[in-house]
Amino acid sequence: MIPERFPNFKIAPLGSISKSFLDLGLTHFQQVAQYIGGLPYGRNADRADYTLVLNESKGTCSTKHALLSALCLEQNRDEITLFTGIYEMNEHNTLE
């Protein structure tokens, strides 16, 4: 993830996700992306609850991206869209 390539809009206190990032002192989207990208990889207690990325200070690619997408939705920004990609994993295309 290269946060410098993302839009760098200011985070407004429009919802609970936005407020959580503001409470961490993160005021712009690129700061948020850098912070989320720096969190360790790890499965959350409930993979359907992407907000646990903040509470548990870790997340998978899916939960981290879902959290960033939810932030963009709260901020009424449509420059960033969450897509789902599916591919077959095997010993040739997956690292241990």
N, C-alpha and C. Protein backbone atom coordinates (compact mmCIF):
# COMPACT_ATOMS: atom_id res chain seq x y z
N MET A 1 0.85 -1.17 0.00
CA MET A 1 0.00 0.00 0.00
C MET A 1 0.89 1.23 0.00
N ILE A 2 0.59 2.17 -0.87
CA ILE A 2 1.36 3.39 -0.98
C ILE A 2 0.43 4.57 -0.69
N PRO A 3 0.35 4.99 0.58
CA PRO A 3 -0.61 6.04 0.96
C PRO A 3 -0.44 7.35 0.18
N GLU A 4 0.77 7.68 -0.25
CA GLU A 4 0.98 8.93 -0.98
C GLU A 4 0.17 8.98 -2.28
N ARG A 5 -0.21 7.85 -2.80
CA ARG A 5 -0.99 7.79 -4.04
C ARG A 5 -2.49 7.97 -3.80
N PHE A 6 -2.90 7.97 -2.55
CA PHE A 6 -4.31 8.10 -2.21
C PHE A 6 -4.70 9.57 -2.12
N PRO A 7 -5.99 9.87 -2.30
CA PRO A 7 -6.44 11.24 -2.02
C PRO A 7 -6.12 11.57 -0.56
N ASN A 8 -5.89 12.83 -0.27
CA ASN A 8 -5.53 13.21 1.09
C ASN A 8 -6.54 14.19 1.67
N PHE A 9 -7.77 13.73 1.78
CA PHE A 9 -8.81 14.60 2.31
C PHE A 9 -8.76 14.64 3.84
N LYS A 10 -9.26 15.74 4.37
CA LYS A 10 -9.32 15.92 5.82
C LYS A 10 -10.48 15.10 6.37
N ILE A 11 -10.25 14.44 7.51
CA ILE A 11 -11.27 13.63 8.16
C ILE A 11 -12.17 14.53 9.00
N ALA A 12 -13.46 14.51 8.71
CA ALA A 12 -14.44 15.26 9.50
C ALA A 12 -15.11 14.31 10.49
N PRO A 13 -15.54 14.78 11.64
CA PRO A 13 -16.16 13.92 12.65
C PRO A 13 -17.60 13.56 12.27
N LEU A 14 -17.76 12.72 11.24
CA LEU A 14 -19.08 12.41 10.70
C LEU A 14 -19.67 11.10 11.20
N GLY A 15 -18.90 10.29 11.88
CA GLY A 15 -19.40 9.00 12.35
C GLY A 15 -18.40 8.37 13.31
N SER A 16 -18.74 7.19 13.79
CA SER A 16 -17.91 6.54 14.81
C SER A 16 -16.53 6.15 14.31
N ILE A 17 -16.43 5.72 13.07
CA ILE A 17 -15.12 5.34 12.52
C ILE A 17 -14.24 6.58 12.39
N SER A 18 -14.81 7.63 11.82
CA SER A 18 -14.07 8.89 11.67
C SER A 18 -13.59 9.39 13.01
N LYS A 19 -14.47 9.37 13.99
CA LYS A 19 -14.11 9.86 15.33
C LYS A 19 -13.02 9.01 15.97
N SER A 20 -13.04 7.71 15.70
CA SER A 20 -11.98 6.84 16.25
C SER A 20 -10.61 7.24 15.72
N PHE A 21 -10.55 7.55 14.43
CA PHE A 21 -9.26 7.97 13.86
C PHE A 21 -8.86 9.34 14.37
N LEU A 22 -9.81 10.24 14.49
CA LEU A 22 -9.51 11.57 15.02
C LEU A 22 -9.00 11.47 16.45
N ASP A 23 -9.57 10.54 17.24
CA ASP A 23 -9.11 10.33 18.62
C ASP A 23 -7.66 9.85 18.67
N LEU A 24 -7.22 9.20 17.59
CA LEU A 24 -5.82 8.75 17.50
C LEU A 24 -4.90 9.86 16.99
N GLY A 25 -5.48 11.02 16.69
CA GLY A 25 -4.69 12.13 16.18
C GLY A 25 -4.47 12.09 14.69
N LEU A 26 -5.22 11.24 14.00
CA LEU A 26 -5.10 11.10 12.55
C LEU A 26 -6.17 11.97 11.90
N THR A 27 -5.74 13.01 11.20
CA THR A 27 -6.67 14.01 10.70
C THR A 27 -6.87 13.98 9.19
N HIS A 28 -6.02 13.23 8.47
CA HIS A 28 -6.12 13.15 7.01
C HIS A 28 -6.06 11.69 6.56
N PHE A 29 -6.68 11.43 5.41
CA PHE A 29 -6.81 10.05 4.95
C PHE A 29 -5.46 9.36 4.74
N GLN A 30 -4.47 10.06 4.20
CA GLN A 30 -3.17 9.42 3.99
C GLN A 30 -2.54 9.00 5.32
N GLN A 31 -2.75 9.77 6.38
CA GLN A 31 -2.27 9.38 7.71
C GLN A 31 -2.96 8.09 8.17
N VAL A 32 -4.25 8.03 7.94
CA VAL A 32 -5.03 6.84 8.32
C VAL A 32 -4.52 5.62 7.57
N ALA A 33 -4.34 5.77 6.25
CA ALA A 33 -3.87 4.65 5.43
C ALA A 33 -2.49 4.18 5.89
N GLN A 34 -1.61 5.12 6.22
CA GLN A 34 -0.27 4.77 6.71
C GLN A 34 -0.38 4.02 8.04
N TYR A 35 -1.23 4.49 8.92
CA TYR A 35 -1.42 3.86 10.22
C TYR A 35 -1.95 2.43 10.07
N ILE A 36 -3.01 2.28 9.28
CA ILE A 36 -3.62 0.96 9.08
C ILE A 36 -2.62 0.01 8.41
N GLY A 37 -1.90 0.52 7.41
CA GLY A 37 -0.91 -0.31 6.73
C GLY A 37 0.21 -0.77 7.65
N GLY A 38 0.49 0.01 8.68
CA GLY A 38 1.56 -0.33 9.62
C GLY A 38 1.15 -1.29 10.72
N LEU A 39 -0.13 -1.53 10.86
CA LEU A 39 -0.58 -2.48 11.88
C LEU A 39 -0.20 -3.90 11.46
N PRO A 40 0.12 -4.73 12.43
CA PRO A 40 0.49 -6.11 12.09
C PRO A 40 -0.66 -6.89 11.46
N TYR A 41 -0.28 -7.87 10.65
CA TYR A 41 -1.25 -8.79 10.07
C TYR A 41 -1.70 -9.76 11.16
N GLY A 42 -2.98 -9.97 11.25
CA GLY A 42 -3.51 -10.93 12.20
C GLY A 42 -5.01 -11.03 12.08
N ARG A 43 -5.52 -12.21 12.31
CA ARG A 43 -6.97 -12.41 12.24
C ARG A 43 -7.62 -11.78 13.47
N ASN A 44 -8.74 -11.13 13.23
CA ASN A 44 -9.48 -10.51 14.32
C ASN A 44 -10.44 -11.52 14.93
N ALA A 45 -10.89 -11.23 16.15
CA ALA A 45 -11.78 -12.14 16.88
C ALA A 45 -13.05 -12.45 16.09
N ASP A 46 -13.54 -11.45 15.34
CA ASP A 46 -14.72 -11.64 14.51
C ASP A 46 -14.42 -11.02 13.15
N ARG A 47 -14.16 -11.84 12.15
CA ARG A 47 -13.73 -11.30 10.86
C ARG A 47 -14.80 -10.50 10.15
N ALA A 48 -16.05 -10.59 10.60
CA ALA A 48 -17.13 -9.79 10.02
C ALA A 48 -17.16 -8.38 10.60
N ASP A 49 -16.43 -8.15 11.69
CA ASP A 49 -16.42 -6.84 12.35
C ASP A 49 -15.09 -6.15 12.09
N TYR A 50 -15.04 -5.39 10.99
CA TYR A 50 -13.79 -4.73 10.60
C TYR A 50 -13.37 -3.65 11.58
N THR A 51 -14.26 -3.18 12.45
CA THR A 51 -13.86 -2.17 13.42
C THR A 51 -12.91 -2.73 14.47
N LEU A 52 -12.86 -4.06 14.58
CA LEU A 52 -11.92 -4.68 15.52
C LEU A 52 -10.47 -4.41 15.14
N VAL A 53 -10.21 -4.02 13.91
CA VAL A 53 -8.85 -3.65 13.51
C VAL A 53 -8.33 -2.57 14.46
N LEU A 54 -9.17 -1.61 14.80
CA LEU A 54 -8.75 -0.55 15.71
C LEU A 54 -8.65 -1.05 17.14
N ASN A 55 -9.62 -1.81 17.59
CA ASN A 55 -9.61 -2.29 18.98
C ASN A 55 -8.50 -3.29 19.26
N GLU A 56 -8.17 -4.12 18.27
CA GLU A 56 -7.18 -5.17 18.46
C GLU A 56 -5.81 -4.81 17.89
N SER A 57 -5.72 -3.65 17.23
CA SER A 57 -4.46 -3.16 16.63
C SER A 57 -3.81 -4.19 15.71
N LYS A 58 -4.64 -4.85 14.91
CA LYS A 58 -4.17 -5.80 13.90
C LYS A 58 -5.33 -6.07 12.96
N GLY A 59 -5.03 -6.71 11.83
CA GLY A 59 -6.09 -7.07 10.91
C GLY A 59 -5.56 -7.78 9.69
N THR A 60 -6.44 -8.39 8.96
CA THR A 60 -6.08 -9.03 7.70
C THR A 60 -6.19 -7.98 6.59
N CYS A 61 -5.76 -8.33 5.41
CA CYS A 61 -5.92 -7.41 4.28
C CYS A 61 -7.39 -7.04 4.12
N SER A 62 -8.26 -8.04 4.23
CA SER A 62 -9.69 -7.81 4.04
C SER A 62 -10.27 -6.86 5.08
N THR A 63 -9.96 -7.07 6.35
CA THR A 63 -10.55 -6.22 7.38
C THR A 63 -9.95 -4.81 7.35
N LYS A 64 -8.68 -4.70 7.05
CA LYS A 64 -8.06 -3.37 6.95
C LYS A 64 -8.66 -2.58 5.79
N HIS A 65 -8.82 -3.23 4.64
CA HIS A 65 -9.40 -2.55 3.48
C HIS A 65 -10.87 -2.20 3.72
N ALA A 66 -11.60 -3.08 4.40
CA ALA A 66 -13.00 -2.80 4.71
C ALA A 66 -13.12 -1.59 5.62
N LEU A 67 -12.21 -1.46 6.57
CA LEU A 67 -12.23 -0.32 7.48
C LEU A 67 -11.94 0.98 6.73
N LEU A 68 -10.96 0.96 5.84
CA LEU A 68 -10.67 2.15 5.04
C LEU A 68 -11.85 2.51 4.15
N SER A 69 -12.49 1.52 3.57
CA SER A 69 -13.65 1.75 2.73
C SER A 69 -14.80 2.36 3.55
N ALA A 70 -15.03 1.83 4.75
CA ALA A 70 -16.09 2.36 5.61
C ALA A 70 -15.81 3.81 5.99
N LEU A 71 -14.55 4.13 6.22
CA LEU A 71 -14.19 5.52 6.51
C LEU A 71 -14.54 6.41 5.32
N CYS A 72 -14.21 5.97 4.12
CA CYS A 72 -14.53 6.76 2.92
C CYS A 72 -16.04 6.94 2.77
N LEU A 73 -16.81 5.91 3.07
CA LEU A 73 -18.26 6.03 3.00
C LEU A 73 -18.78 7.05 4.02
N GLU A 74 -18.24 6.99 5.24
CA GLU A 74 -18.63 7.96 6.26
C GLU A 74 -18.31 9.39 5.83
N GLN A 75 -17.20 9.54 5.12
CA GLN A 75 -16.75 10.85 4.69
C GLN A 75 -17.39 11.30 3.38
N ASN A 76 -18.28 10.48 2.84
CA ASN A 76 -18.94 10.78 1.56
C ASN A 76 -17.93 10.98 0.43
N ARG A 77 -16.90 10.14 0.43
CA ARG A 77 -15.86 10.20 -0.60
C ARG A 77 -16.01 8.98 -1.49
N ASP A 78 -15.97 9.18 -2.79
CA ASP A 78 -16.12 8.05 -3.71
C ASP A 78 -14.87 7.80 -4.55
N GLU A 79 -13.76 8.44 -4.20
CA GLU A 79 -12.52 8.20 -4.95
C GLU A 79 -11.95 6.80 -4.70
N ILE A 80 -12.29 6.24 -3.57
CA ILE A 80 -11.77 4.92 -3.20
C ILE A 80 -12.95 3.96 -3.09
N THR A 81 -12.84 2.83 -3.78
CA THR A 81 -13.90 1.83 -3.81
C THR A 81 -13.34 0.48 -3.40
N LEU A 82 -14.09 -0.24 -2.62
CA LEU A 82 -13.70 -1.59 -2.20
C LEU A 82 -14.20 -2.60 -3.22
N PHE A 83 -13.29 -3.41 -3.74
CA PHE A 83 -13.64 -4.47 -4.67
C PHE A 83 -13.28 -5.81 -4.05
N THR A 84 -13.98 -6.84 -4.44
CA THR A 84 -13.67 -8.18 -3.99
C THR A 84 -13.05 -8.96 -5.14
N GLY A 85 -11.92 -9.57 -4.87
CA GLY A 85 -11.26 -10.42 -5.86
C GLY A 85 -11.15 -11.83 -5.32
N ILE A 86 -11.41 -12.78 -6.16
CA ILE A 86 -11.33 -14.19 -5.75
C ILE A 86 -10.36 -14.92 -6.67
N TYR A 87 -9.45 -15.65 -6.07
CA TYR A 87 -8.55 -16.47 -6.87
C TYR A 87 -8.24 -17.75 -6.11
N GLU A 88 -7.89 -18.76 -6.86
CA GLU A 88 -7.57 -20.05 -6.27
C GLU A 88 -6.18 -20.00 -5.65
N MET A 89 -6.08 -20.38 -4.39
CA MET A 89 -4.80 -20.40 -3.70
C MET A 89 -4.25 -21.82 -3.74
N ASN A 90 -2.94 -21.92 -3.99
CA ASN A 90 -2.27 -23.22 -3.97
C ASN A 90 -0.82 -23.01 -3.56
N GLU A 91 -0.06 -24.08 -3.53
CA GLU A 91 1.35 -24.01 -3.07
C GLU A 91 2.23 -23.20 -4.03
N HIS A 92 1.78 -22.93 -5.23
CA HIS A 92 2.58 -22.18 -6.20
C HIS A 92 2.37 -20.67 -6.11
N ASN A 93 1.23 -20.24 -5.62
CA ASN A 93 0.96 -18.80 -5.59
C ASN A 93 0.77 -18.23 -4.17
N THR A 94 1.06 -19.04 -3.16
CA THR A 94 0.87 -18.62 -1.79
C THR A 94 2.14 -18.89 -0.98
N LEU A 95 2.57 -17.86 -0.27
CA LEU A 95 3.74 -18.02 0.60
C LEU A 95 3.31 -18.63 1.92
N GLU A 96 4.20 -19.38 2.52
CA GLU A 96 3.90 -19.95 3.84
C GLU A 96 4.18 -18.95 4.92
